[in-house]
């Protein structure tokens, strides 16, 4: 139980770091209501955040364990590359969505991620798809419908906004990242090493858009925010890995609800952005309920099923 509680603590801590990152990225990319002189493109923000975070993790690793090896084992190299690619792609999609959509709506839409993670676990890890997970998937579809309201979009083509797909795509990619992270941690990979690999290989990938669009240097007033982003990024990835080292993916999924609460709080404090419609609030409530169902003990559903069988 002590390991599980520590896993919950690190999960919530990582949610807080990611929530603060969401707010800062929306501000630096020019998507917030606040006025910012010369907003930065998403790939520029990603590059500096990853570079600073990588340096911090590197110094931490060699200060605590100077003789540690950062070489990726050959037998699981493909799994590492798949994780790094999925995480980098997910972050890019996520940051693009923050550029065009309010933080609370982005996080709310991404709340299908626990359900997608469950489905991926069934396909990749061959887990059973029981009544508990079927109920959670059904509620997630309802919650996603209430938030995105596709019926209103179809009736009014002028209001169509394809940016709403970005958080959903990011959620799918992040789900794969979670499963690969958990598997690597079970294989005794270090949370510090996993954080370093991700940041070290993501930073060069962010240089590729510079080759097409040209080099864009941050201004002096950007630097403090980029430094904070780097620190938060290093903390977020390390605590995320630490949480999944201590507890199973399915167990920690419901506690991701902390992200939307913290994002809504930070977004309101920074931009006064809160969900404005009843559909949005109710959709968030339904999606939160779906994640909580995933965290309930399976015995509860087995007892209910047994009771129904007895009555019949």
C-alpha atoms as a PDB file:
ATOM      1  CA  UNK A   1       0.000   0.000   0.000  1.00  0.00           C
ATOM      2  CA  UNK A   2       2.895   2.357   0.676  1.00  0.00           C
ATOM      3  CA  UNK A   3       4.098   1.894  -2.920  1.00  0.00           C
ATOM      4  CA  UNK A   4       0.589   2.534  -4.237  1.00  0.00           C
ATOM      5  CA  UNK A   5       0.227   5.746  -2.227  1.00  0.00           C
ATOM      6  CA  UNK A   6       3.619   6.918  -3.453  1.00  0.00           C
ATOM      7  CA  UNK A   7       2.500   6.116  -7.001  1.00  0.00           C
ATOM      8  CA  UNK A   8      -0.611   8.250  -6.492  1.00  0.00           C
ATOM      9  CA  UNK A   9       1.492  11.099  -5.074  1.00  0.00           C
ATOM     10  CA  UNK A  10       3.872  11.124  -8.062  1.00  0.00           C
ATOM     11  CA  UNK A  11       0.962  10.844 -10.491  1.00  0.00           C
ATOM     12  CA  UNK A  12      -0.806  13.884  -9.018  1.00  0.00           C
ATOM     13  CA  UNK A  13       2.504  15.767  -8.833  1.00  0.00           C
ATOM     14  CA  UNK A  14       3.128  15.105 -12.529  1.00  0.00           C
ATOM     15  CA  UNK A  15      -0.420  16.268 -13.311  1.00  0.00           C
ATOM     16  CA  UNK A  16       0.368  19.561 -11.562  1.00  0.00           C
ATOM     17  CA  UNK A  17       3.564  20.002 -13.604  1.00  0.00           C
ATOM     18  CA  UNK A  18       1.790  19.229 -16.879  1.00  0.00           C
ATOM     19  CA  UNK A  19      -1.050  21.614 -15.962  1.00  0.00           C
ATOM     20  CA  UNK A  20       1.416  24.459 -15.403  1.00  0.00           C
ATOM     21  CA  UNK A  21       3.152  23.567 -18.701  1.00  0.00           C
ATOM     22  CA  UNK A  22      -0.185  23.761 -20.534  1.00  0.00           C
ATOM     23  CA  UNK A  23      -0.801  27.290 -19.298  1.00  0.00           C
ATOM     24  CA  UNK A  24       2.719  28.476 -20.154  1.00  0.00           C
ATOM     25  CA  UNK A  25       2.641  26.949 -23.644  1.00  0.00           C
ATOM     26  CA  UNK A  26      -0.710  28.582 -24.397  1.00  0.00           C
ATOM     27  CA  UNK A  27       0.758  31.932 -23.311  1.00  0.00           C
ATOM     28  CA  UNK A  28       4.103  31.644 -25.139  1.00  0.00           C
ATOM     29  CA  UNK A  29       2.481  30.400 -28.368  1.00  0.00           C
ATOM     30  CA  UNK A  30       0.179  33.416 -28.468  1.00  0.00           C
ATOM     31  CA  UNK A  31      -3.042  31.489 -27.953  1.00  0.00           C
ATOM     32  CA  UNK A  32      -4.017  33.068 -24.636  1.00  0.00           C
ATOM     33  CA  UNK A  33      -6.097  36.225 -24.169  1.00  0.00           C
ATOM     34  CA  UNK A  34      -3.022  37.947 -22.705  1.00  0.00           C
ATOM     35  CA  UNK A  35      -0.945  40.135 -24.970  1.00  0.00           C
ATOM     36  CA  UNK A  36       2.529  38.747 -25.740  1.00  0.00           C
ATOM     37  CA  UNK A  37       5.107  40.500 -27.848  1.00  0.00           C
ATOM     38  CA  UNK A  38       6.283  38.088 -30.585  1.00  0.00           C
ATOM     39  CA  UNK A  39       4.696  34.699 -29.758  1.00  0.00           C
ATOM     40  CA  UNK A  40       6.894  31.648 -30.358  1.00  0.00           C
ATOM     41  CA  UNK A  41       6.037  28.764 -32.720  1.00  0.00           C
ATOM     42  CA  UNK A  42       5.270  25.476 -31.014  1.00  0.00           C
ATOM     43  CA  UNK A  43       8.397  23.733 -32.329  1.00  0.00           C
ATOM     44  CA  UNK A  44      10.608  26.497 -30.886  1.00  0.00           C
ATOM     45  CA  UNK A  45       8.969  26.128 -27.470  1.00  0.00           C
ATOM     46  CA  UNK A  46       9.385  22.338 -27.631  1.00  0.00           C
ATOM     47  CA  UNK A  47      13.065  22.573 -28.581  1.00  0.00           C
ATOM     48  CA  UNK A  48      14.088  24.863 -25.728  1.00  0.00           C
ATOM     49  CA  UNK A  49      11.948  23.064 -23.168  1.00  0.00           C
ATOM     50  CA  UNK A  50      13.441  19.683 -24.124  1.00  0.00           C
ATOM     51  CA  UNK A  51      17.001  21.033 -24.286  1.00  0.00           C
ATOM     52  CA  UNK A  52      16.834  22.677 -20.858  1.00  0.00           C
ATOM     53  CA  UNK A  53      15.063  19.673 -19.327  1.00  0.00           C
ATOM     54  CA  UNK A  54      17.618  17.281 -20.810  1.00  0.00           C
ATOM     55  CA  UNK A  55      20.540  19.237 -19.356  1.00  0.00           C
ATOM     56  CA  UNK A  56      18.919  19.338 -15.930  1.00  0.00           C
ATOM     57  CA  UNK A  57      18.219  15.580 -15.929  1.00  0.00           C
ATOM     58  CA  UNK A  58      21.761  14.868 -17.175  1.00  0.00           C
ATOM     59  CA  UNK A  59      23.327  16.910 -14.365  1.00  0.00           C
ATOM     60  CA  UNK A  60      21.057  15.239 -11.827  1.00  0.00           C
ATOM     61  CA  UNK A  61      21.956  11.729 -13.039  1.00  0.00           C
ATOM     62  CA  UNK A  62      25.705  12.297 -12.967  1.00  0.00           C
ATOM     63  CA  UNK A  63      25.623  14.150  -9.672  1.00  0.00           C
ATOM     64  CA  UNK A  64      23.724  11.336  -7.923  1.00  0.00           C
ATOM     65  CA  UNK A  65      25.261   8.330  -9.741  1.00  0.00           C
ATOM     66  CA  UNK A  66      28.400   9.360 -11.682  1.00  0.00           C
ATOM     67  CA  UNK A  67      29.136   5.858 -13.007  1.00  0.00           C
ATOM     68  CA  UNK A  68      25.684   5.132 -14.393  1.00  0.00           C
ATOM     69  CA  UNK A  69      25.431   4.037 -18.035  1.00  0.00           C
ATOM     70  CA  UNK A  70      23.009   5.849 -20.340  1.00  0.00           C
ATOM     71  CA  UNK A  71      23.424   3.333 -23.154  1.00  0.00           C
ATOM     72  CA  UNK A  72      20.125   1.894 -24.385  1.00  0.00           C
ATOM     73  CA  UNK A  73      20.104  -1.945 -24.173  1.00  0.00           C
ATOM     74  CA  UNK A  74      20.017  -3.434 -27.665  1.00  0.00           C
ATOM     75  CA  UNK A  75      17.289  -5.995 -26.913  1.00  0.00           C
ATOM     76  CA  UNK A  76      14.747  -3.287 -26.026  1.00  0.00           C
ATOM     77  CA  UNK A  77      16.011  -0.512 -28.312  1.00  0.00           C
ATOM     78  CA  UNK A  78      12.952  -0.707 -30.574  1.00  0.00           C
ATOM     79  CA  UNK A  79      10.642  -0.261 -27.587  1.00  0.00           C
ATOM     80  CA  UNK A  80      12.612   2.808 -26.522  1.00  0.00           C
ATOM     81  CA  UNK A  81      12.442   4.340 -29.986  1.00  0.00           C
ATOM     82  CA  UNK A  82       8.715   3.656 -30.240  1.00  0.00           C
ATOM     83  CA  UNK A  83       8.162   5.311 -26.860  1.00  0.00           C
ATOM     84  CA  UNK A  84      10.284   8.354 -27.732  1.00  0.00           C
ATOM     85  CA  UNK A  85       8.551   8.789 -31.111  1.00  0.00           C
ATOM     86  CA  UNK A  86       5.050   8.472 -29.647  1.00  0.00           C
ATOM     87  CA  UNK A  87       5.843  10.874 -26.809  1.00  0.00           C
ATOM     88  CA  UNK A  88       7.377  13.491 -29.144  1.00  0.00           C
ATOM     89  CA  UNK A  89       4.448  13.261 -31.563  1.00  0.00           C
ATOM     90  CA  UNK A  90       1.948  13.456 -28.716  1.00  0.00           C
ATOM     91  CA  UNK A  91       3.615  16.557 -27.259  1.00  0.00           C
ATOM     92  CA  UNK A  92       3.616  18.249 -30.688  1.00  0.00           C
ATOM     93  CA  UNK A  93      -0.103  17.558 -31.197  1.00  0.00           C
ATOM     94  CA  UNK A  94      -0.839  18.653 -27.629  1.00  0.00           C
ATOM     95  CA  UNK A  95       1.026  21.953 -27.948  1.00  0.00           C
ATOM     96  CA  UNK A  96      -0.682  22.697 -31.274  1.00  0.00           C
ATOM     97  CA  UNK A  97      -4.060  22.188 -29.618  1.00  0.00           C
ATOM     98  CA  UNK A  98      -3.064  24.584 -26.826  1.00  0.00           C
ATOM     99  CA  UNK A  99      -2.278  27.169 -29.499  1.00  0.00           C
ATOM    100  CA  UNK A 100      -5.872  27.166 -30.770  1.00  0.00           C
ATOM    101  CA  UNK A 101      -8.104  25.857 -27.953  1.00  0.00           C
ATOM    102  CA  UNK A 102      -8.552  27.021 -24.325  1.00  0.00           C
ATOM    103  CA  UNK A 103      -6.616  24.916 -21.837  1.00  0.00           C
ATOM    104  CA  UNK A 104      -9.670  23.554 -20.017  1.00  0.00           C
ATOM    105  CA  UNK A 105     -11.299  22.358 -23.253  1.00  0.00           C
ATOM    106  CA  UNK A 106      -8.066  20.709 -24.422  1.00  0.00           C
ATOM    107  CA  UNK A 107      -7.705  18.796 -21.168  1.00  0.00           C
ATOM    108  CA  UNK A 108     -11.400  17.886 -21.141  1.00  0.00           C
ATOM    109  CA  UNK A 109     -11.205  16.475 -24.668  1.00  0.00           C
ATOM    110  CA  UNK A 110      -8.069  14.569 -23.775  1.00  0.00           C
ATOM    111  CA  UNK A 111      -9.928  12.826 -20.973  1.00  0.00           C
ATOM    112  CA  UNK A 112     -10.720  10.035 -23.412  1.00  0.00           C
ATOM    113  CA  UNK A 113      -7.035   9.107 -22.973  1.00  0.00           C
ATOM    114  CA  UNK A 114      -7.682   6.712 -20.031  1.00  0.00           C
ATOM    115  CA  UNK A 115     -10.257   4.890 -22.133  1.00  0.00           C
ATOM    116  CA  UNK A 116      -7.951   4.720 -25.143  1.00  0.00           C
ATOM    117  CA  UNK A 117      -5.212   3.458 -22.824  1.00  0.00           C
ATOM    118  CA  UNK A 118      -7.522   0.695 -21.647  1.00  0.00           C
ATOM    119  CA  UNK A 119      -8.325  -0.330 -25.227  1.00  0.00           C
ATOM    120  CA  UNK A 120      -4.621  -0.311 -26.144  1.00  0.00           C
ATOM    121  CA  UNK A 121      -3.906  -2.434 -23.076  1.00  0.00           C
ATOM    122  CA  UNK A 122      -6.468  -4.962 -24.316  1.00  0.00           C
ATOM    123  CA  UNK A 123      -4.927  -5.095 -27.798  1.00  0.00           C
ATOM    124  CA  UNK A 124      -1.226  -4.842 -26.935  1.00  0.00           C
ATOM    125  CA  UNK A 125      -1.056  -6.363 -23.461  1.00  0.00           C
ATOM    126  CA  UNK A 126      -3.895  -8.856 -24.086  1.00  0.00           C
ATOM    127  CA  UNK A 127      -5.904  -7.738 -21.051  1.00  0.00           C
ATOM    128  CA  UNK A 128      -9.544  -8.770 -20.699  1.00  0.00           C
ATOM    129  CA  UNK A 129     -12.285  -6.305 -21.650  1.00  0.00           C
ATOM    130  CA  UNK A 130     -14.663  -6.819 -18.741  1.00  0.00           C
ATOM    131  CA  UNK A 131     -17.914  -5.117 -17.724  1.00  0.00           C
ATOM    132  CA  UNK A 132     -16.050  -2.447 -15.778  1.00  0.00           C
ATOM    133  CA  UNK A 133     -14.100  -1.291 -18.825  1.00  0.00           C
ATOM    134  CA  UNK A 134     -17.091  -1.541 -21.169  1.00  0.00           C
ATOM    135  CA  UNK A 135     -19.039   0.798 -18.892  1.00  0.00           C
ATOM    136  CA  UNK A 136     -16.126   3.242 -18.729  1.00  0.00           C
ATOM    137  CA  UNK A 137     -15.777   3.304 -22.536  1.00  0.00           C
ATOM    138  CA  UNK A 138     -19.509   3.985 -22.957  1.00  0.00           C
ATOM    139  CA  UNK A 139     -19.365   6.904 -20.536  1.00  0.00           C
ATOM    140  CA  UNK A 140     -16.278   8.321 -22.248  1.00  0.00           C
ATOM    141  CA  UNK A 141     -18.082   8.345 -25.610  1.00  0.00           C
ATOM    142  CA  UNK A 142     -20.999  10.193 -24.024  1.00  0.00           C
ATOM    143  CA  UNK A 143     -18.695  12.697 -22.311  1.00  0.00           C
ATOM    144  CA  UNK A 144     -16.714  13.323 -25.483  1.00  0.00           C
ATOM    145  CA  UNK A 145     -19.965  13.905 -27.387  1.00  0.00           C
ATOM    146  CA  UNK A 146     -21.162  16.476 -24.836  1.00  0.00           C
ATOM    147  CA  UNK A 147     -17.862  18.373 -24.960  1.00  0.00           C
ATOM    148  CA  UNK A 148     -17.291  18.359 -28.730  1.00  0.00           C
ATOM    149  CA  UNK A 149     -21.011  18.447 -29.716  1.00  0.00           C
ATOM    150  CA  UNK A 150     -20.515  17.002 -33.209  1.00  0.00           C
ATOM    151  CA  UNK A 151     -24.237  17.392 -33.894  1.00  0.00           C
ATOM    152  CA  UNK A 152     -23.943  21.176 -33.670  1.00  0.00           C
ATOM    153  CA  UNK A 153     -20.859  21.098 -35.878  1.00  0.00           C
ATOM    154  CA  UNK A 154     -22.660  19.135 -38.602  1.00  0.00           C
ATOM    155  CA  UNK A 155     -25.667  21.462 -38.523  1.00  0.00           C
ATOM    156  CA  UNK A 156     -23.510  24.560 -38.795  1.00  0.00           C
ATOM    157  CA  UNK A 157     -20.607  23.925 -41.175  1.00  0.00           C
ATOM    158  CA  UNK A 158     -19.287  27.466 -40.705  1.00  0.00           C
ATOM    159  CA  UNK A 159     -18.433  26.712 -37.086  1.00  0.00           C
ATOM    160  CA  UNK A 160     -16.470  23.556 -37.934  1.00  0.00           C
ATOM    161  CA  UNK A 161     -13.194  23.515 -36.064  1.00  0.00           C
ATOM    162  CA  UNK A 162     -10.788  20.726 -36.971  1.00  0.00           C
ATOM    163  CA  UNK A 163      -8.535  21.757 -34.086  1.00  0.00           C
ATOM    164  CA  UNK A 164     -10.852  19.778 -31.812  1.00  0.00           C
ATOM    165  CA  UNK A 165      -9.278  16.622 -33.267  1.00  0.00           C
ATOM    166  CA  UNK A 166      -5.794  17.536 -32.032  1.00  0.00           C
ATOM    167  CA  UNK A 167      -6.337  16.659 -28.329  1.00  0.00           C
ATOM    168  CA  UNK A 168      -7.990  13.375 -29.345  1.00  0.00           C
ATOM    169  CA  UNK A 169      -5.043  12.407 -31.547  1.00  0.00           C
ATOM    170  CA  UNK A 170      -2.638  13.428 -28.781  1.00  0.00           C
ATOM    171  CA  UNK A 171      -4.610  11.314 -26.307  1.00  0.00           C
ATOM    172  CA  UNK A 172      -4.272   8.252 -28.535  1.00  0.00           C
ATOM    173  CA  UNK A 173      -0.506   8.717 -28.963  1.00  0.00           C
ATOM    174  CA  UNK A 174       0.025   9.379 -25.239  1.00  0.00           C
ATOM    175  CA  UNK A 175      -1.838   6.162 -24.443  1.00  0.00           C
ATOM    176  CA  UNK A 176       0.728   4.184 -26.407  1.00  0.00           C
ATOM    177  CA  UNK A 177       3.465   6.102 -24.582  1.00  0.00           C
ATOM    178  CA  UNK A 178       2.019   5.085 -21.198  1.00  0.00           C
ATOM    179  CA  UNK A 179       1.896   1.404 -22.086  1.00  0.00           C
ATOM    180  CA  UNK A 180       5.455   1.404 -23.431  1.00  0.00           C
ATOM    181  CA  UNK A 181       6.662   3.332 -20.367  1.00  0.00           C
ATOM    182  CA  UNK A 182       5.094   0.841 -17.975  1.00  0.00           C
ATOM    183  CA  UNK A 183       6.564  -2.103 -19.869  1.00  0.00           C
ATOM    184  CA  UNK A 184      10.072  -0.588 -19.859  1.00  0.00           C
ATOM    185  CA  UNK A 185       9.827   0.166 -16.134  1.00  0.00           C
ATOM    186  CA  UNK A 186       8.796  -3.439 -15.469  1.00  0.00           C
ATOM    187  CA  UNK A 187      11.983  -4.399 -17.344  1.00  0.00           C
ATOM    188  CA  UNK A 188      13.930  -2.446 -14.670  1.00  0.00           C
ATOM    189  CA  UNK A 189      14.618   0.709 -16.670  1.00  0.00           C
ATOM    190  CA  UNK A 190      15.271   3.768 -14.469  1.00  0.00           C
ATOM    191  CA  UNK A 191      12.701   6.633 -14.361  1.00  0.00           C
ATOM    192  CA  UNK A 192      15.594   9.109 -14.629  1.00  0.00           C
ATOM    193  CA  UNK A 193      16.995   7.365 -17.696  1.00  0.00           C
ATOM    194  CA  UNK A 194      13.609   7.235 -19.406  1.00  0.00           C
ATOM    195  CA  UNK A 195      13.125  10.967 -18.823  1.00  0.00           C
ATOM    196  CA  UNK A 196      16.619  11.697 -20.158  1.00  0.00           C
ATOM    197  CA  UNK A 197      16.169   9.551 -23.293  1.00  0.00           C
ATOM    198  CA  UNK A 198      12.887  11.254 -24.128  1.00  0.00           C
ATOM    199  CA  UNK A 199      14.189  14.804 -23.729  1.00  0.00           C
ATOM    200  CA  UNK A 200      17.565  14.067 -25.367  1.00  0.00           C
ATOM    201  CA  UNK A 201      16.051  12.585 -28.527  1.00  0.00           C
ATOM    202  CA  UNK A 202      13.067  14.952 -28.728  1.00  0.00           C
ATOM    203  CA  UNK A 203      15.217  18.100 -28.782  1.00  0.00           C
ATOM    204  CA  UNK A 204      16.957  17.273 -32.109  1.00  0.00           C
ATOM    205  CA  UNK A 205      13.594  16.314 -33.661  1.00  0.00           C
ATOM    206  CA  UNK A 206      12.354  19.813 -32.873  1.00  0.00           C
ATOM    207  CA  UNK A 207      15.195  21.225 -34.972  1.00  0.00           C
ATOM    208  CA  UNK A 208      13.723  19.766 -38.169  1.00  0.00           C
ATOM    209  CA  UNK A 209      11.052  22.488 -38.597  1.00  0.00           C
ATOM    210  CA  UNK A 210      13.821  25.090 -38.215  1.00  0.00           C
ATOM    211  CA  UNK A 211      15.387  23.722 -41.410  1.00  0.00           C
ATOM    212  CA  UNK A 212      12.189  24.523 -43.308  1.00  0.00           C
ATOM    213  CA  UNK A 213      10.989  27.709 -41.614  1.00  0.00           C
ATOM    214  CA  UNK A 214      14.361  29.103 -40.571  1.00  0.00           C
ATOM    215  CA  UNK A 215      15.923  29.627 -37.159  1.00  0.00           C
ATOM    216  CA  UNK A 216      13.822  31.648 -34.722  1.00  0.00           C
ATOM    217  CA  UNK A 217      15.706  32.815 -31.641  1.00  0.00           C
ATOM    218  CA  UNK A 218      13.766  33.556 -28.453  1.00  0.00           C
ATOM    219  CA  UNK A 219      13.797  37.131 -27.215  1.00  0.00           C
ATOM    220  CA  UNK A 220      15.107  38.137 -23.802  1.00  0.00           C
ATOM    221  CA  UNK A 221      11.616  38.267 -22.288  1.00  0.00           C
ATOM    222  CA  UNK A 222      10.997  34.647 -23.412  1.00  0.00           C
ATOM    223  CA  UNK A 223      14.001  33.191 -21.577  1.00  0.00           C
ATOM    224  CA  UNK A 224      12.636  33.096 -17.995  1.00  0.00           C
ATOM    225  CA  UNK A 225       9.483  31.336 -19.179  1.00  0.00           C
ATOM    226  CA  UNK A 226      11.476  28.830 -21.243  1.00  0.00           C
ATOM    227  CA  UNK A 227      13.675  28.086 -18.225  1.00  0.00           C
ATOM    228  CA  UNK A 228      10.582  27.445 -16.103  1.00  0.00           C
ATOM    229  CA  UNK A 229       9.194  25.224 -18.870  1.00  0.00           C
ATOM    230  CA  UNK A 230      12.429  23.203 -18.937  1.00  0.00           C
ATOM    231  CA  UNK A 231      12.349  22.683 -15.170  1.00  0.00           C
ATOM    232  CA  UNK A 232       8.671  21.723 -15.217  1.00  0.00           C
ATOM    233  CA  UNK A 233       9.231  19.400 -18.181  1.00  0.00           C
ATOM    234  CA  UNK A 234      12.050  17.546 -16.428  1.00  0.00           C
ATOM    235  CA  UNK A 235       9.978  17.209 -13.248  1.00  0.00           C
ATOM    236  CA  UNK A 236       6.838  16.180 -15.129  1.00  0.00           C
ATOM    237  CA  UNK A 237       8.509  13.364 -17.081  1.00  0.00           C
ATOM    238  CA  UNK A 238      10.463  12.068 -14.096  1.00  0.00           C
ATOM    239  CA  UNK A 239       7.470  12.003 -11.733  1.00  0.00           C
ATOM    240  CA  UNK A 240       5.313  10.479 -14.485  1.00  0.00           C
ATOM    241  CA  UNK A 241       7.825   7.629 -14.886  1.00  0.00           C
ATOM    242  CA  UNK A 242       8.221   7.281 -11.122  1.00  0.00           C
ATOM    243  CA  UNK A 243       4.467   6.869 -10.682  1.00  0.00           C
ATOM    244  CA  UNK A 244       4.261   4.083 -13.272  1.00  0.00           C
ATOM    245  CA  UNK A 245       7.262   2.388 -11.727  1.00  0.00           C
ATOM    246  CA  UNK A 246       5.333   2.025  -8.466  1.00  0.00           C
ATOM    247  CA  UNK A 247       1.812   1.197  -9.667  1.00  0.00           C
ATOM    248  CA  UNK A 248      -0.062  -0.314 -12.598  1.00  0.00           C
ATOM    249  CA  UNK A 249      -1.376   1.798 -15.461  1.00  0.00           C
ATOM    250  CA  UNK A 250      -5.031   0.962 -14.814  1.00  0.00           C
ATOM    251  CA  UNK A 251      -4.709   1.708 -11.111  1.00  0.00           C
ATOM    252  CA  UNK A 252      -3.323   5.203 -11.731  1.00  0.00           C
ATOM    253  CA  UNK A 253      -5.733   6.177 -14.522  1.00  0.00           C
ATOM    254  CA  UNK A 254      -8.498   7.612 -12.295  1.00  0.00           C
ATOM    255  CA  UNK A 255      -6.062   9.942 -10.569  1.00  0.00           C
ATOM    256  CA  UNK A 256      -5.470  11.692 -13.881  1.00  0.00           C
ATOM    257  CA  UNK A 257      -8.635  13.587 -12.932  1.00  0.00           C
ATOM    258  CA  UNK A 258      -6.287  15.845 -10.968  1.00  0.00           C
ATOM    259  CA  UNK A 259      -5.011  17.238 -14.283  1.00  0.00           C
ATOM    260  CA  UNK A 260      -8.309  18.780 -15.334  1.00  0.00           C
ATOM    261  CA  UNK A 261      -8.906  20.254 -11.875  1.00  0.00           C
ATOM    262  CA  UNK A 262      -5.432  21.779 -11.783  1.00  0.00           C
ATOM    263  CA  UNK A 263      -5.609  22.929 -15.406  1.00  0.00           C
ATOM    264  CA  UNK A 264      -8.943  24.617 -14.807  1.00  0.00           C
ATOM    265  CA  UNK A 265      -7.551  26.309 -11.686  1.00  0.00           C
ATOM    266  CA  UNK A 266      -4.329  27.511 -13.344  1.00  0.00           C
ATOM    267  CA  UNK A 267      -6.145  28.575 -16.513  1.00  0.00           C
ATOM    268  CA  UNK A 268      -8.687  30.567 -14.537  1.00  0.00           C
ATOM    269  CA  UNK A 269      -5.964  32.282 -12.494  1.00  0.00           C
ATOM    270  CA  UNK A 270      -3.942  33.149 -15.622  1.00  0.00           C
ATOM    271  CA  UNK A 271      -6.549  33.746 -18.346  1.00  0.00           C
ATOM    272  CA  UNK A 272      -9.973  33.615 -16.636  1.00  0.00           C
ATOM    273  CA  UNK A 273     -10.784  30.670 -18.928  1.00  0.00           C
ATOM    274  CA  UNK A 274     -13.394  28.290 -17.572  1.00  0.00           C
ATOM    275  CA  UNK A 275     -15.936  26.018 -19.269  1.00  0.00           C
ATOM    276  CA  UNK A 276     -18.921  28.252 -20.097  1.00  0.00           C
ATOM    277  CA  UNK A 277     -21.661  25.822 -21.143  1.00  0.00           C
ATOM    278  CA  UNK A 278     -23.674  23.239 -19.269  1.00  0.00           C
ATOM    279  CA  UNK A 279     -22.717  20.642 -21.897  1.00  0.00           C
ATOM    280  CA  UNK A 280     -19.027  21.237 -21.206  1.00  0.00           C
ATOM    281  CA  UNK A 281     -19.409  20.941 -17.422  1.00  0.00           C
ATOM    282  CA  UNK A 282     -21.617  17.848 -17.710  1.00  0.00           C
ATOM    283  CA  UNK A 283     -19.223  16.276 -20.233  1.00  0.00           C
ATOM    284  CA  UNK A 284     -16.303  16.809 -17.861  1.00  0.00           C
ATOM    285  CA  UNK A 285     -18.341  15.234 -15.060  1.00  0.00           C
ATOM    286  CA  UNK A 286     -19.195  12.177 -17.188  1.00  0.00           C
ATOM    287  CA  UNK A 287     -15.594  11.712 -18.322  1.00  0.00           C
ATOM    288  CA  UNK A 288     -14.394  12.012 -14.731  1.00  0.00           C
ATOM    289  CA  UNK A 289     -16.955   9.385 -13.709  1.00  0.00           C
ATOM    290  CA  UNK A 290     -15.650   7.059 -16.428  1.00  0.00           C
ATOM    291  CA  UNK A 291     -12.106   7.286 -15.107  1.00  0.00           C
ATOM    292  CA  UNK A 292     -13.294   6.734 -11.538  1.00  0.00           C
ATOM    293  CA  UNK A 293     -15.083   3.557 -12.666  1.00  0.00           C
ATOM    294  CA  UNK A 294     -11.759   2.285 -13.984  1.00  0.00           C
ATOM    295  CA  UNK A 295     -10.321   2.773 -10.501  1.00  0.00           C
ATOM    296  CA  UNK A 296     -13.047   0.880  -8.692  1.00  0.00           C
ATOM    297  CA  UNK A 297     -12.313  -2.588  -7.399  1.00  0.00           C
ATOM    298  CA  UNK A 298     -13.297  -5.291  -9.918  1.00  0.00           C
ATOM    299  CA  UNK A 299     -14.913  -7.272  -7.077  1.00  0.00           C
ATOM    300  CA  UNK A 300     -17.709  -4.662  -6.972  1.00  0.00           C
ATOM    301  CA  UNK A 301     -18.751  -5.504 -10.532  1.00  0.00           C
ATOM    302  CA  UNK A 302     -18.348  -9.226 -10.019  1.00  0.00           C
ATOM    303  CA  UNK A 303     -20.621  -9.063  -6.954  1.00  0.00           C
ATOM    304  CA  UNK A 304     -23.208  -7.125  -8.924  1.00  0.00           C
ATOM    305  CA  UNK A 305     -23.059  -9.622 -11.773  1.00  0.00           C
ATOM    306  CA  UNK A 306     -23.370 -12.536  -9.364  1.00  0.00           C
ATOM    307  CA  UNK A 307     -26.359 -10.898  -7.662  1.00  0.00           C
ATOM    308  CA  UNK A 308     -28.137 -10.438 -10.996  1.00  0.00           C
ATOM    309  CA  UNK A 309     -27.461 -14.070 -11.892  1.00  0.00           C
ATOM    310  CA  UNK A 310     -28.983 -15.167  -8.551  1.00  0.00           C
ATOM    311  CA  UNK A 311     -32.128 -13.060  -9.118  1.00  0.00           C
ATOM    312  CA  UNK A 312     -32.558 -14.425 -12.625  1.00  0.00           C
END
